[in-house]
Structures are given as structure tokens and as C-alpha cells.
N, C-alpha and C. Protein backbone atom coordinates (compact mmCIF):
# COMPACT_ATOMS: atom_id res chain seq x y z
N MET A 1 -5.32 -12.64 -14.49
CA MET A 1 -4.54 -11.42 -14.31
C MET A 1 -3.16 -11.75 -13.76
N ALA A 2 -2.12 -11.16 -14.36
CA ALA A 2 -0.76 -11.42 -13.92
C ALA A 2 -0.51 -10.80 -12.55
N ARG A 3 0.20 -11.53 -11.71
CA ARG A 3 0.56 -11.01 -10.39
C ARG A 3 1.73 -11.81 -9.86
N TYR A 4 2.46 -11.22 -8.92
CA TYR A 4 3.60 -11.89 -8.32
C TYR A 4 3.12 -12.92 -7.31
N THR A 5 3.61 -14.15 -7.43
CA THR A 5 3.17 -15.23 -6.54
C THR A 5 4.32 -15.82 -5.74
N GLY A 6 5.50 -15.22 -5.84
CA GLY A 6 6.65 -15.75 -5.12
C GLY A 6 6.69 -15.26 -3.68
N PRO A 7 7.75 -15.59 -2.94
CA PRO A 7 7.89 -15.16 -1.54
C PRO A 7 8.06 -13.64 -1.45
N VAL A 8 7.20 -13.00 -0.68
CA VAL A 8 7.22 -11.54 -0.62
C VAL A 8 8.30 -11.00 0.33
N CYS A 9 8.73 -11.83 1.28
CA CYS A 9 9.73 -11.35 2.24
C CYS A 9 11.07 -11.06 1.56
N ARG A 10 11.37 -11.77 0.49
CA ARG A 10 12.62 -11.51 -0.22
C ARG A 10 12.58 -10.14 -0.92
N ILE A 11 11.37 -9.64 -1.21
CA ILE A 11 11.24 -8.31 -1.80
C ILE A 11 11.68 -7.26 -0.79
N CYS A 12 11.22 -7.42 0.46
CA CYS A 12 11.63 -6.48 1.52
C CYS A 12 13.14 -6.54 1.72
N ARG A 13 13.71 -7.73 1.71
CA ARG A 13 15.16 -7.86 1.88
C ARG A 13 15.91 -7.23 0.72
N ARG A 14 15.37 -7.34 -0.47
CA ARG A 14 16.01 -6.75 -1.64
C ARG A 14 16.09 -5.24 -1.51
N HIS A 15 15.04 -4.63 -0.97
CA HIS A 15 14.99 -3.17 -0.85
C HIS A 15 15.54 -2.68 0.49
N GLY A 16 15.85 -3.62 1.39
CA GLY A 16 16.47 -3.24 2.64
C GLY A 16 15.56 -2.54 3.62
N THR A 17 14.25 -2.70 3.47
CA THR A 17 13.30 -2.07 4.38
C THR A 17 11.99 -2.85 4.39
N LYS A 18 11.22 -2.69 5.45
CA LYS A 18 9.93 -3.37 5.54
C LYS A 18 8.92 -2.69 4.62
N LEU A 19 8.30 -3.47 3.76
CA LEU A 19 7.23 -2.97 2.90
C LEU A 19 5.87 -3.42 3.40
N PHE A 20 5.85 -4.16 4.51
CA PHE A 20 4.62 -4.63 5.14
C PHE A 20 3.75 -5.40 4.15
N LEU A 21 4.37 -6.38 3.50
CA LEU A 21 3.69 -7.22 2.52
C LEU A 21 3.14 -8.50 3.13
N LYS A 22 3.57 -8.82 4.37
CA LYS A 22 3.22 -10.10 4.98
C LYS A 22 2.28 -9.93 6.16
N GLY A 23 1.65 -8.77 6.29
CA GLY A 23 0.69 -8.58 7.36
C GLY A 23 1.34 -8.48 8.73
N THR A 24 0.77 -9.20 9.69
CA THR A 24 1.23 -9.11 11.08
C THR A 24 2.62 -9.71 11.28
N LYS A 25 3.08 -10.57 10.39
CA LYS A 25 4.42 -11.15 10.52
C LYS A 25 5.49 -10.06 10.49
N CYS A 26 5.19 -8.97 9.79
CA CYS A 26 6.14 -7.86 9.69
C CYS A 26 6.36 -7.17 11.03
N LEU A 27 5.45 -7.37 11.98
CA LEU A 27 5.54 -6.72 13.28
C LEU A 27 6.14 -7.62 14.35
N THR A 28 6.54 -8.82 13.97
CA THR A 28 7.08 -9.78 14.93
C THR A 28 8.57 -9.99 14.70
N GLU A 29 9.18 -10.75 15.61
CA GLU A 29 10.60 -11.05 15.48
C GLU A 29 10.89 -12.03 14.35
N LYS A 30 9.85 -12.64 13.79
CA LYS A 30 10.03 -13.59 12.71
C LYS A 30 10.23 -12.90 11.36
N CYS A 31 10.11 -11.58 11.34
CA CYS A 31 10.28 -10.84 10.10
C CYS A 31 11.69 -11.05 9.56
N PRO A 32 11.85 -11.56 8.33
CA PRO A 32 13.18 -11.84 7.78
C PRO A 32 14.08 -10.62 7.68
N ILE A 33 13.51 -9.42 7.54
CA ILE A 33 14.33 -8.23 7.43
C ILE A 33 15.07 -7.95 8.73
N GLN A 34 14.55 -8.48 9.84
CA GLN A 34 15.23 -8.33 11.12
C GLN A 34 16.28 -9.42 11.34
N ARG A 35 15.99 -10.60 10.83
CA ARG A 35 16.89 -11.73 11.04
C ARG A 35 18.01 -11.77 10.00
N ARG A 36 17.70 -11.36 8.78
CA ARG A 36 18.69 -11.37 7.69
C ARG A 36 18.58 -10.07 6.90
N ASN A 37 19.10 -9.02 7.46
CA ASN A 37 18.96 -7.70 6.84
C ASN A 37 20.02 -7.48 5.75
N PHE A 38 19.92 -8.31 4.70
CA PHE A 38 20.78 -8.15 3.53
C PHE A 38 20.04 -8.76 2.35
N PRO A 39 20.38 -8.35 1.12
CA PRO A 39 19.66 -8.84 -0.06
C PRO A 39 19.74 -10.36 -0.19
N PRO A 40 18.71 -10.99 -0.77
CA PRO A 40 18.73 -12.44 -0.95
C PRO A 40 19.72 -12.86 -2.04
N GLY A 41 20.05 -14.12 -2.04
CA GLY A 41 20.97 -14.65 -3.04
C GLY A 41 22.36 -14.86 -2.49
N GLN A 42 23.18 -15.61 -3.22
CA GLN A 42 24.51 -15.96 -2.73
C GLN A 42 25.45 -14.76 -2.68
N HIS A 43 25.14 -13.70 -3.43
CA HIS A 43 25.97 -12.50 -3.42
C HIS A 43 25.31 -11.37 -2.63
N GLY A 44 24.32 -11.72 -1.82
CA GLY A 44 23.56 -10.70 -1.11
C GLY A 44 24.36 -9.88 -0.13
N GLN A 45 25.40 -10.49 0.47
CA GLN A 45 26.19 -9.78 1.46
C GLN A 45 27.41 -9.09 0.87
N GLY A 46 27.56 -9.15 -0.44
CA GLY A 46 28.68 -8.47 -1.08
C GLY A 46 28.41 -6.98 -1.21
N ARG A 47 29.44 -6.21 -1.35
CA ARG A 47 29.31 -4.76 -1.48
C ARG A 47 29.01 -4.41 -2.93
N THR A 48 28.02 -3.59 -3.14
CA THR A 48 27.66 -3.15 -4.49
C THR A 48 27.49 -1.64 -4.50
N LYS A 49 28.04 -1.01 -5.51
CA LYS A 49 27.87 0.42 -5.69
C LYS A 49 26.85 0.64 -6.78
N MET A 50 25.77 1.34 -6.46
CA MET A 50 24.66 1.50 -7.40
C MET A 50 24.77 2.82 -8.14
N SER A 51 24.45 2.79 -9.43
CA SER A 51 24.45 4.00 -10.25
C SER A 51 23.22 4.84 -9.95
N ASP A 52 23.19 6.05 -10.51
CA ASP A 52 22.02 6.92 -10.32
C ASP A 52 20.77 6.26 -10.89
N TYR A 53 20.91 5.64 -12.07
CA TYR A 53 19.77 4.94 -12.67
C TYR A 53 19.31 3.79 -11.78
N GLY A 54 20.27 3.08 -11.20
CA GLY A 54 19.92 1.96 -10.31
C GLY A 54 19.15 2.43 -9.10
N LEU A 55 19.54 3.56 -8.53
CA LEU A 55 18.82 4.12 -7.37
C LEU A 55 17.40 4.52 -7.75
N GLN A 56 17.26 5.12 -8.92
CA GLN A 56 15.94 5.54 -9.39
C GLN A 56 15.04 4.31 -9.64
N LEU A 57 15.59 3.31 -10.30
CA LEU A 57 14.83 2.10 -10.59
C LEU A 57 14.44 1.38 -9.30
N ARG A 58 15.37 1.30 -8.34
CA ARG A 58 15.10 0.62 -7.08
C ARG A 58 13.97 1.32 -6.32
N GLU A 59 13.96 2.65 -6.35
CA GLU A 59 12.91 3.39 -5.64
C GLU A 59 11.55 3.17 -6.29
N LYS A 60 11.54 3.15 -7.62
CA LYS A 60 10.28 2.90 -8.33
C LYS A 60 9.76 1.51 -8.05
N GLN A 61 10.64 0.53 -8.07
CA GLN A 61 10.25 -0.85 -7.79
C GLN A 61 9.75 -0.99 -6.36
N LYS A 62 10.37 -0.29 -5.43
CA LYS A 62 9.96 -0.36 -4.03
C LYS A 62 8.54 0.14 -3.85
N VAL A 63 8.24 1.30 -4.41
CA VAL A 63 6.90 1.89 -4.27
C VAL A 63 5.87 1.06 -5.02
N LYS A 64 6.22 0.59 -6.20
CA LYS A 64 5.30 -0.22 -6.99
C LYS A 64 4.92 -1.50 -6.26
N ARG A 65 5.89 -2.14 -5.66
CA ARG A 65 5.62 -3.40 -4.96
C ARG A 65 4.92 -3.17 -3.63
N MET A 66 5.22 -2.05 -2.99
CA MET A 66 4.57 -1.75 -1.72
C MET A 66 3.06 -1.60 -1.91
N TYR A 67 2.66 -0.91 -2.98
CA TYR A 67 1.24 -0.71 -3.24
C TYR A 67 0.62 -1.85 -4.07
N GLY A 68 1.44 -2.80 -4.51
CA GLY A 68 0.92 -3.98 -5.20
C GLY A 68 0.47 -3.74 -6.62
N LEU A 69 1.16 -2.87 -7.36
CA LEU A 69 0.79 -2.57 -8.73
C LEU A 69 1.72 -3.27 -9.71
N LEU A 70 1.19 -3.55 -10.90
CA LEU A 70 2.01 -4.03 -12.00
C LEU A 70 2.65 -2.83 -12.69
N GLU A 71 3.61 -3.08 -13.55
CA GLU A 71 4.35 -1.98 -14.20
C GLU A 71 3.42 -1.08 -15.02
N LYS A 72 2.51 -1.67 -15.79
CA LYS A 72 1.61 -0.86 -16.62
C LYS A 72 0.68 -0.02 -15.75
N GLN A 73 0.18 -0.60 -14.67
CA GLN A 73 -0.69 0.14 -13.76
C GLN A 73 0.05 1.32 -13.13
N PHE A 74 1.29 1.07 -12.72
CA PHE A 74 2.08 2.13 -12.08
C PHE A 74 2.40 3.23 -13.07
N ARG A 75 2.74 2.85 -14.29
CA ARG A 75 3.06 3.85 -15.31
C ARG A 75 1.83 4.70 -15.64
N ASN A 76 0.67 4.07 -15.72
CA ASN A 76 -0.57 4.82 -15.99
C ASN A 76 -0.89 5.79 -14.85
N THR A 77 -0.63 5.35 -13.62
CA THR A 77 -0.85 6.23 -12.47
C THR A 77 0.10 7.41 -12.51
N PHE A 78 1.34 7.16 -12.90
CA PHE A 78 2.31 8.26 -13.02
C PHE A 78 1.88 9.23 -14.11
N ALA A 79 1.38 8.71 -15.23
CA ALA A 79 0.93 9.57 -16.33
C ALA A 79 -0.23 10.45 -15.86
N GLU A 80 -1.13 9.89 -15.06
CA GLU A 80 -2.24 10.68 -14.52
C GLU A 80 -1.73 11.76 -13.57
N ALA A 81 -0.68 11.44 -12.81
CA ALA A 81 -0.10 12.42 -11.89
C ALA A 81 0.54 13.58 -12.64
N THR A 82 1.15 13.29 -13.79
CA THR A 82 1.79 14.35 -14.57
C THR A 82 0.76 15.31 -15.17
N ARG A 83 -0.45 14.81 -15.43
CA ARG A 83 -1.50 15.66 -16.00
C ARG A 83 -2.18 16.52 -14.94
N ALA A 84 -2.07 16.14 -13.68
CA ALA A 84 -2.72 16.88 -12.60
C ALA A 84 -1.91 18.12 -12.23
N LYS A 85 -2.58 19.08 -11.63
CA LYS A 85 -1.91 20.30 -11.19
C LYS A 85 -1.16 20.02 -9.89
N GLY A 86 0.03 20.60 -9.78
CA GLY A 86 0.82 20.40 -8.57
C GLY A 86 2.11 19.66 -8.86
N VAL A 87 2.81 19.29 -7.79
CA VAL A 87 4.08 18.57 -7.91
C VAL A 87 3.81 17.13 -8.29
N THR A 88 4.42 16.66 -9.36
CA THR A 88 4.13 15.33 -9.91
C THR A 88 4.35 14.22 -8.89
N GLY A 89 5.49 14.26 -8.19
CA GLY A 89 5.78 13.21 -7.22
C GLY A 89 4.76 13.13 -6.11
N VAL A 90 4.34 14.28 -5.60
CA VAL A 90 3.34 14.32 -4.53
C VAL A 90 1.99 13.84 -5.04
N LYS A 91 1.65 14.23 -6.27
CA LYS A 91 0.38 13.78 -6.87
C LYS A 91 0.37 12.28 -7.08
N LEU A 92 1.53 11.72 -7.42
CA LEU A 92 1.63 10.27 -7.59
C LEU A 92 1.31 9.55 -6.29
N LEU A 93 1.91 10.01 -5.20
CA LEU A 93 1.65 9.39 -3.90
C LEU A 93 0.19 9.59 -3.48
N GLU A 94 -0.37 10.74 -3.81
CA GLU A 94 -1.78 11.00 -3.47
C GLU A 94 -2.70 10.01 -4.18
N LEU A 95 -2.44 9.78 -5.47
CA LEU A 95 -3.27 8.83 -6.23
C LEU A 95 -3.12 7.41 -5.69
N LEU A 96 -1.92 7.04 -5.30
CA LEU A 96 -1.70 5.70 -4.75
C LEU A 96 -2.41 5.54 -3.40
N GLU A 97 -2.39 6.59 -2.59
CA GLU A 97 -3.03 6.53 -1.28
C GLU A 97 -4.54 6.49 -1.40
N ARG A 98 -5.10 7.09 -2.42
CA ARG A 98 -6.56 7.15 -2.58
C ARG A 98 -7.16 5.88 -3.15
N ARG A 99 -6.35 4.93 -3.55
CA ARG A 99 -6.88 3.66 -4.04
C ARG A 99 -7.67 2.98 -2.92
N ILE A 100 -8.79 2.34 -3.27
CA ILE A 100 -9.67 1.76 -2.26
C ILE A 100 -8.98 0.62 -1.51
N ASP A 101 -8.11 -0.15 -2.19
CA ASP A 101 -7.42 -1.23 -1.47
C ASP A 101 -6.48 -0.66 -0.42
N ASN A 102 -5.83 0.45 -0.73
CA ASN A 102 -4.96 1.09 0.26
C ASN A 102 -5.76 1.68 1.41
N VAL A 103 -6.94 2.25 1.09
CA VAL A 103 -7.79 2.84 2.13
C VAL A 103 -8.25 1.77 3.11
N VAL A 104 -8.67 0.62 2.60
CA VAL A 104 -9.09 -0.49 3.47
C VAL A 104 -7.93 -0.92 4.36
N PHE A 105 -6.73 -0.95 3.81
CA PHE A 105 -5.54 -1.29 4.60
C PHE A 105 -5.26 -0.22 5.65
N ARG A 106 -5.32 1.04 5.26
CA ARG A 106 -5.04 2.14 6.19
C ARG A 106 -6.05 2.19 7.33
N LEU A 107 -7.28 1.81 7.06
CA LEU A 107 -8.32 1.82 8.10
C LEU A 107 -8.16 0.66 9.08
N GLY A 108 -7.28 -0.27 8.78
CA GLY A 108 -7.06 -1.40 9.69
C GLY A 108 -8.02 -2.55 9.49
N PHE A 109 -8.69 -2.60 8.34
CA PHE A 109 -9.61 -3.70 8.06
C PHE A 109 -8.90 -4.87 7.39
N ALA A 110 -7.61 -4.73 7.12
CA ALA A 110 -6.80 -5.79 6.53
C ALA A 110 -5.38 -5.66 7.07
N THR A 111 -4.68 -6.77 7.18
CA THR A 111 -3.33 -6.75 7.71
C THR A 111 -2.29 -6.39 6.66
N SER A 112 -2.68 -6.44 5.39
CA SER A 112 -1.77 -6.09 4.30
C SER A 112 -2.60 -5.55 3.14
N ARG A 113 -1.94 -4.90 2.20
CA ARG A 113 -2.65 -4.40 1.02
C ARG A 113 -3.14 -5.54 0.15
N ALA A 114 -2.41 -6.65 0.13
CA ALA A 114 -2.84 -7.81 -0.65
C ALA A 114 -4.16 -8.36 -0.09
N GLN A 115 -4.27 -8.42 1.23
CA GLN A 115 -5.51 -8.88 1.84
C GLN A 115 -6.64 -7.88 1.58
N ALA A 116 -6.32 -6.59 1.64
CA ALA A 116 -7.33 -5.57 1.36
C ALA A 116 -7.82 -5.68 -0.08
N ARG A 117 -6.91 -5.94 -1.00
CA ARG A 117 -7.29 -6.09 -2.41
C ARG A 117 -8.20 -7.30 -2.58
N GLN A 118 -7.96 -8.35 -1.81
CA GLN A 118 -8.81 -9.54 -1.87
C GLN A 118 -10.22 -9.23 -1.36
N LEU A 119 -10.31 -8.43 -0.30
CA LEU A 119 -11.62 -8.04 0.22
C LEU A 119 -12.41 -7.28 -0.83
N VAL A 120 -11.73 -6.40 -1.55
CA VAL A 120 -12.41 -5.63 -2.60
C VAL A 120 -12.86 -6.54 -3.72
N ARG A 121 -11.97 -7.41 -4.17
CA ARG A 121 -12.29 -8.32 -5.27
C ARG A 121 -13.45 -9.26 -4.92
N HIS A 122 -13.55 -9.65 -3.65
CA HIS A 122 -14.59 -10.60 -3.23
C HIS A 122 -15.87 -9.91 -2.77
N LYS A 123 -16.03 -8.64 -3.13
CA LYS A 123 -17.28 -7.89 -2.93
C LYS A 123 -17.60 -7.66 -1.46
N HIS A 124 -16.58 -7.45 -0.65
CA HIS A 124 -16.80 -7.19 0.78
C HIS A 124 -16.74 -5.71 1.13
N VAL A 125 -16.53 -4.85 0.14
CA VAL A 125 -16.35 -3.43 0.41
C VAL A 125 -17.41 -2.59 -0.30
N LYS A 126 -18.01 -1.69 0.46
CA LYS A 126 -18.96 -0.74 -0.10
C LYS A 126 -18.43 0.68 0.11
N VAL A 127 -18.55 1.49 -0.93
CA VAL A 127 -18.14 2.89 -0.87
C VAL A 127 -19.36 3.75 -1.17
N ALA A 128 -19.71 4.61 -0.22
CA ALA A 128 -20.89 5.47 -0.37
C ALA A 128 -22.15 4.64 -0.65
N GLY A 129 -22.24 3.46 -0.01
CA GLY A 129 -23.41 2.61 -0.14
C GLY A 129 -23.41 1.70 -1.35
N ARG A 130 -22.41 1.81 -2.21
CA ARG A 130 -22.36 0.99 -3.43
C ARG A 130 -21.16 0.03 -3.35
N ARG A 131 -21.39 -1.20 -3.77
CA ARG A 131 -20.34 -2.21 -3.73
C ARG A 131 -19.26 -1.90 -4.77
N VAL A 132 -18.01 -1.96 -4.36
CA VAL A 132 -16.88 -1.69 -5.25
C VAL A 132 -16.02 -2.94 -5.35
N THR A 133 -15.69 -3.34 -6.57
CA THR A 133 -14.88 -4.55 -6.79
C THR A 133 -13.60 -4.26 -7.54
N ILE A 134 -13.29 -3.00 -7.76
CA ILE A 134 -12.08 -2.61 -8.49
C ILE A 134 -11.09 -1.98 -7.51
N PRO A 135 -9.95 -2.64 -7.24
CA PRO A 135 -9.00 -2.13 -6.25
C PRO A 135 -8.45 -0.74 -6.55
N SER A 136 -8.44 -0.35 -7.83
CA SER A 136 -7.88 0.95 -8.21
C SER A 136 -8.88 2.09 -8.08
N PHE A 137 -10.09 1.81 -7.61
CA PHE A 137 -11.10 2.86 -7.44
C PHE A 137 -10.55 3.94 -6.50
N LEU A 138 -10.69 5.20 -6.89
CA LEU A 138 -10.17 6.32 -6.11
C LEU A 138 -11.27 6.94 -5.26
N VAL A 139 -11.03 7.01 -3.97
CA VAL A 139 -12.01 7.60 -3.06
C VAL A 139 -11.90 9.12 -3.08
N LYS A 140 -12.98 9.77 -2.64
CA LYS A 140 -13.02 11.23 -2.57
C LYS A 140 -13.45 11.65 -1.18
N PRO A 141 -13.14 12.88 -0.77
CA PRO A 141 -13.55 13.36 0.55
C PRO A 141 -15.06 13.26 0.74
N GLY A 142 -15.47 12.79 1.91
CA GLY A 142 -16.89 12.64 2.22
C GLY A 142 -17.42 11.24 2.02
N MET A 143 -16.68 10.39 1.33
CA MET A 143 -17.14 9.02 1.08
C MET A 143 -16.99 8.15 2.32
N GLU A 144 -17.97 7.26 2.52
CA GLU A 144 -17.91 6.28 3.59
C GLU A 144 -17.48 4.93 3.03
N VAL A 145 -16.60 4.25 3.75
CA VAL A 145 -16.11 2.94 3.33
C VAL A 145 -16.52 1.93 4.39
N ARG A 146 -17.30 0.94 3.98
CA ARG A 146 -17.79 -0.07 4.92
C ARG A 146 -17.44 -1.47 4.40
N VAL A 147 -17.03 -2.33 5.31
CA VAL A 147 -16.76 -3.73 4.98
C VAL A 147 -17.96 -4.56 5.40
N VAL A 148 -18.49 -5.36 4.49
CA VAL A 148 -19.71 -6.13 4.75
C VAL A 148 -19.42 -7.62 4.55
N GLY A 149 -20.31 -8.46 5.09
CA GLY A 149 -20.16 -9.90 4.94
C GLY A 149 -21.01 -10.64 5.95
N SER A 150 -20.83 -11.94 6.02
CA SER A 150 -21.58 -12.77 6.94
C SER A 150 -21.12 -12.54 8.37
N GLU A 151 -21.87 -13.10 9.32
CA GLU A 151 -21.50 -12.96 10.73
C GLU A 151 -20.13 -13.58 11.01
N LYS A 152 -19.88 -14.72 10.38
CA LYS A 152 -18.59 -15.39 10.56
C LYS A 152 -17.46 -14.52 10.00
N PHE A 153 -17.70 -13.93 8.85
CA PHE A 153 -16.68 -13.07 8.24
C PHE A 153 -16.42 -11.84 9.11
N LEU A 154 -17.48 -11.21 9.62
CA LEU A 154 -17.34 -10.02 10.45
C LEU A 154 -16.63 -10.34 11.77
N ALA A 155 -16.83 -11.57 12.26
CA ALA A 155 -16.11 -11.98 13.48
C ALA A 155 -14.60 -12.07 13.21
N THR A 156 -14.25 -12.59 12.03
CA THR A 156 -12.84 -12.65 11.64
C THR A 156 -12.28 -11.24 11.45
N LEU A 157 -13.11 -10.37 10.87
CA LEU A 157 -12.69 -8.99 10.66
C LEU A 157 -12.42 -8.28 11.99
N LYS A 158 -13.21 -8.62 13.00
CA LYS A 158 -13.00 -8.03 14.33
C LYS A 158 -11.64 -8.43 14.89
N GLU A 159 -11.24 -9.67 14.65
CA GLU A 159 -9.92 -10.12 15.08
C GLU A 159 -8.82 -9.35 14.35
N THR A 160 -9.05 -9.10 13.06
CA THR A 160 -8.08 -8.34 12.28
C THR A 160 -7.93 -6.93 12.82
N ARG A 161 -9.05 -6.33 13.20
CA ARG A 161 -9.01 -4.96 13.74
C ARG A 161 -8.24 -4.92 15.07
N GLU A 162 -8.34 -5.98 15.84
CA GLU A 162 -7.58 -6.05 17.08
C GLU A 162 -6.08 -6.10 16.81
N LEU A 163 -5.70 -6.82 15.74
CA LEU A 163 -4.29 -6.95 15.39
C LEU A 163 -3.72 -5.65 14.86
N THR A 164 -4.58 -4.82 14.24
CA THR A 164 -4.10 -3.59 13.59
C THR A 164 -4.46 -2.33 14.37
N LYS A 165 -4.99 -2.46 15.57
CA LYS A 165 -5.46 -1.28 16.30
C LYS A 165 -4.34 -0.33 16.70
N GLU A 166 -3.11 -0.83 16.81
CA GLU A 166 -1.98 0.01 17.17
C GLU A 166 -1.41 0.75 15.97
N ARG A 167 -1.85 0.39 14.79
CA ARG A 167 -1.34 1.05 13.58
C ARG A 167 -1.85 2.48 13.54
N PRO A 168 -0.99 3.48 13.35
CA PRO A 168 -1.44 4.88 13.31
C PRO A 168 -2.38 5.13 12.13
N LEU A 169 -3.43 5.89 12.39
CA LEU A 169 -4.43 6.19 11.37
C LEU A 169 -4.05 7.48 10.65
N SER A 170 -4.12 7.45 9.33
CA SER A 170 -3.78 8.63 8.55
C SER A 170 -4.73 9.78 8.87
N GLY A 171 -4.23 11.00 8.78
CA GLY A 171 -5.02 12.17 9.16
C GLY A 171 -6.20 12.45 8.26
N TRP A 172 -6.22 11.89 7.05
CA TRP A 172 -7.33 12.16 6.12
C TRP A 172 -8.41 11.08 6.19
N LEU A 173 -8.28 10.19 7.17
CA LEU A 173 -9.26 9.12 7.36
C LEU A 173 -9.79 9.13 8.79
N ASP A 174 -11.03 8.69 8.95
CA ASP A 174 -11.63 8.55 10.28
C ASP A 174 -12.26 7.16 10.36
N ARG A 175 -12.18 6.53 11.53
CA ARG A 175 -12.64 5.15 11.68
C ARG A 175 -13.62 5.04 12.82
N HIS A 176 -14.72 4.34 12.59
CA HIS A 176 -15.71 4.11 13.65
C HIS A 176 -15.11 3.19 14.70
N PRO A 177 -15.31 3.48 15.99
CA PRO A 177 -14.67 2.67 17.05
C PRO A 177 -15.16 1.23 17.13
N GLU A 178 -16.38 0.97 16.69
CA GLU A 178 -16.95 -0.38 16.82
C GLU A 178 -17.26 -1.02 15.47
N GLU A 179 -17.90 -0.30 14.59
CA GLU A 179 -18.34 -0.87 13.31
C GLU A 179 -17.20 -0.87 12.30
N PRO A 180 -17.26 -1.79 11.30
CA PRO A 180 -16.25 -1.80 10.23
C PRO A 180 -16.55 -0.70 9.22
N LEU A 181 -16.43 0.52 9.66
CA LEU A 181 -16.83 1.69 8.88
C LEU A 181 -15.77 2.78 9.00
N GLY A 182 -15.43 3.38 7.90
CA GLY A 182 -14.48 4.48 7.88
C GLY A 182 -14.98 5.59 6.98
N THR A 183 -14.46 6.79 7.20
CA THR A 183 -14.86 7.95 6.42
C THR A 183 -13.64 8.66 5.88
N VAL A 184 -13.71 9.06 4.61
CA VAL A 184 -12.64 9.85 3.99
C VAL A 184 -12.92 11.30 4.32
N THR A 185 -12.12 11.88 5.18
CA THR A 185 -12.37 13.24 5.66
C THR A 185 -11.62 14.31 4.87
N GLY A 186 -10.70 13.91 4.00
CA GLY A 186 -9.95 14.89 3.23
C GLY A 186 -9.11 14.22 2.15
N THR A 187 -8.11 14.93 1.69
CA THR A 187 -7.21 14.43 0.66
C THR A 187 -5.85 14.13 1.29
N PRO A 188 -5.23 13.01 0.98
CA PRO A 188 -3.93 12.69 1.58
C PRO A 188 -2.86 13.71 1.22
N LYS A 189 -2.10 14.10 2.23
CA LYS A 189 -0.99 15.02 2.05
C LYS A 189 0.32 14.22 2.02
N ARG A 190 1.39 14.91 1.66
CA ARG A 190 2.69 14.23 1.58
C ARG A 190 3.10 13.67 2.94
N ASP A 191 2.81 14.38 4.01
CA ASP A 191 3.20 13.93 5.35
C ASP A 191 2.38 12.73 5.82
N ASP A 192 1.24 12.46 5.16
CA ASP A 192 0.40 11.33 5.55
C ASP A 192 0.98 10.00 5.08
N VAL A 193 1.90 10.04 4.15
CA VAL A 193 2.54 8.81 3.67
C VAL A 193 3.62 8.45 4.67
N GLN A 194 3.26 7.60 5.61
CA GLN A 194 4.14 7.28 6.73
C GLN A 194 5.15 6.21 6.34
N PHE A 195 5.98 6.56 5.35
CA PHE A 195 6.96 5.60 4.85
C PHE A 195 8.05 6.38 4.12
N PRO A 196 9.32 6.00 4.28
CA PRO A 196 10.41 6.73 3.61
C PRO A 196 10.42 6.49 2.10
N ILE A 197 9.90 7.45 1.35
CA ILE A 197 9.84 7.37 -0.11
C ILE A 197 10.48 8.61 -0.70
N GLN A 198 11.35 8.42 -1.68
CA GLN A 198 11.95 9.54 -2.41
C GLN A 198 11.28 9.60 -3.78
N GLU A 199 10.14 10.25 -3.82
CA GLU A 199 9.36 10.30 -5.06
C GLU A 199 10.08 11.05 -6.18
N SER A 200 11.01 11.91 -5.82
CA SER A 200 11.75 12.66 -6.85
C SER A 200 12.57 11.72 -7.72
N LEU A 201 13.06 10.62 -7.16
CA LEU A 201 13.82 9.65 -7.94
C LEU A 201 12.93 8.97 -8.99
N ILE A 202 11.66 8.75 -8.65
CA ILE A 202 10.73 8.13 -9.60
C ILE A 202 10.44 9.10 -10.75
N VAL A 203 10.27 10.37 -10.40
CA VAL A 203 10.02 11.39 -11.43
C VAL A 203 11.21 11.50 -12.37
N GLU A 204 12.41 11.46 -11.82
CA GLU A 204 13.61 11.53 -12.63
C GLU A 204 13.72 10.32 -13.57
N LEU A 205 13.33 9.15 -13.06
CA LEU A 205 13.40 7.93 -13.87
C LEU A 205 12.47 8.01 -15.07
N TYR A 206 11.24 8.41 -14.86
CA TYR A 206 10.27 8.46 -15.94
C TYR A 206 10.44 9.69 -16.83
N SER A 207 11.25 10.64 -16.40
CA SER A 207 11.46 11.85 -17.20
C SER A 207 12.56 11.67 -18.24
N LYS A 208 13.26 10.53 -18.20
CA LYS A 208 14.35 10.30 -19.16
C LYS A 208 13.83 9.99 -20.56
């Protein structure tokens, strides 16, 4: 399966904001966006005026990379959002938030979405008692999400939970204080996406 394997910190620098692609490093002073807050490359510090299309494309690329999707996956998700009732941009964010890899990340069982996706792929995640290995699986209200594995793995997971315990929990999720268990208590709202996203720019881009 095709995926980006290059340095992820340069992606954050390109977009000028933290996308939290590097796990706990993003919360430390070693984060490159804090040390070099300008685009990568020899012309990174030059002034550039971006067109309307450039702004729309940059916003789409930012959201796509933040959630770890390929272009075809993102386009299919957008197409599904257009078929759903409601505001297309909000529905797009709702579908992205309901992905099981994002839910595992939001619950604090992984330091990044890439790590959460690896947990799903390696059969460490159960949803409603059934093992799920597809990162794009969409959760529904009432479903329980549990991370399973060996004692050694669960000990490592406990360390991860300690590192992510200060991360704010989304209002549509609930987390067990001790066990690696979470519950989907509702549907994600626009305000639950705790990140500056202009979804209207993405809608405008795909509407051309």
C-alpha cells in the first residue's frame, strides 16, 4: 500500500502549524515548528502570495495529511459527505473523526494517528467485542473500543496513556480511568474538532 515515508516534520513546517504527526515530540521544545517556523527548502523564508486556488489546495492537503489519508481515500470520503444530509464540510469532518484510527488516537491509546493506525492494522483493537483491522472503519454511538494484547504490550500502552493523559478528550468519547477501554457516547460535532480547519475551502476546491 502506498504511503508517505519521508520526514513528517517538514509537512508541519510547510503548512505553518502543528499537525501532531510525530507524537510526543510535537509537545516538546524539539518540535521543528517551534525552532524553524517557516516552510522547508532554500526559498522557505521568502515572501509568497498565494492564490485562492492555492489556499484551497493547501487546506485540503493539511487536513488530508493530518488524518493520514491518501488522495483517493480523501476524495471518496468527501464524496460520501456530499451524499449525506447536512452541511458537506461538517459532514466531511464528522466522517474523518469517526474513523477507528482517529478514535484510538483521540482516546489517548496512541501518541499519533500513524501509531493508532498501526495498532489497528496489527489486530490490537476491538470494537463492540469484534477485532477490527481496517483503519477507515467508522464507529457509531454506543460502541466500545478496547485495545488488547500481551502483558508486555499493555504495559507499554500504559506508558503511552501517561504521556497523553493531558490531552483533552472529545465530548463524544468516554474513557475508562484504568482499562484501555473507551466508549463512543455520541456523534462528533464541529466544535469537537479541536484544530483550526477551514472546511469551506475544501468544499470550494472540490466543487470546481
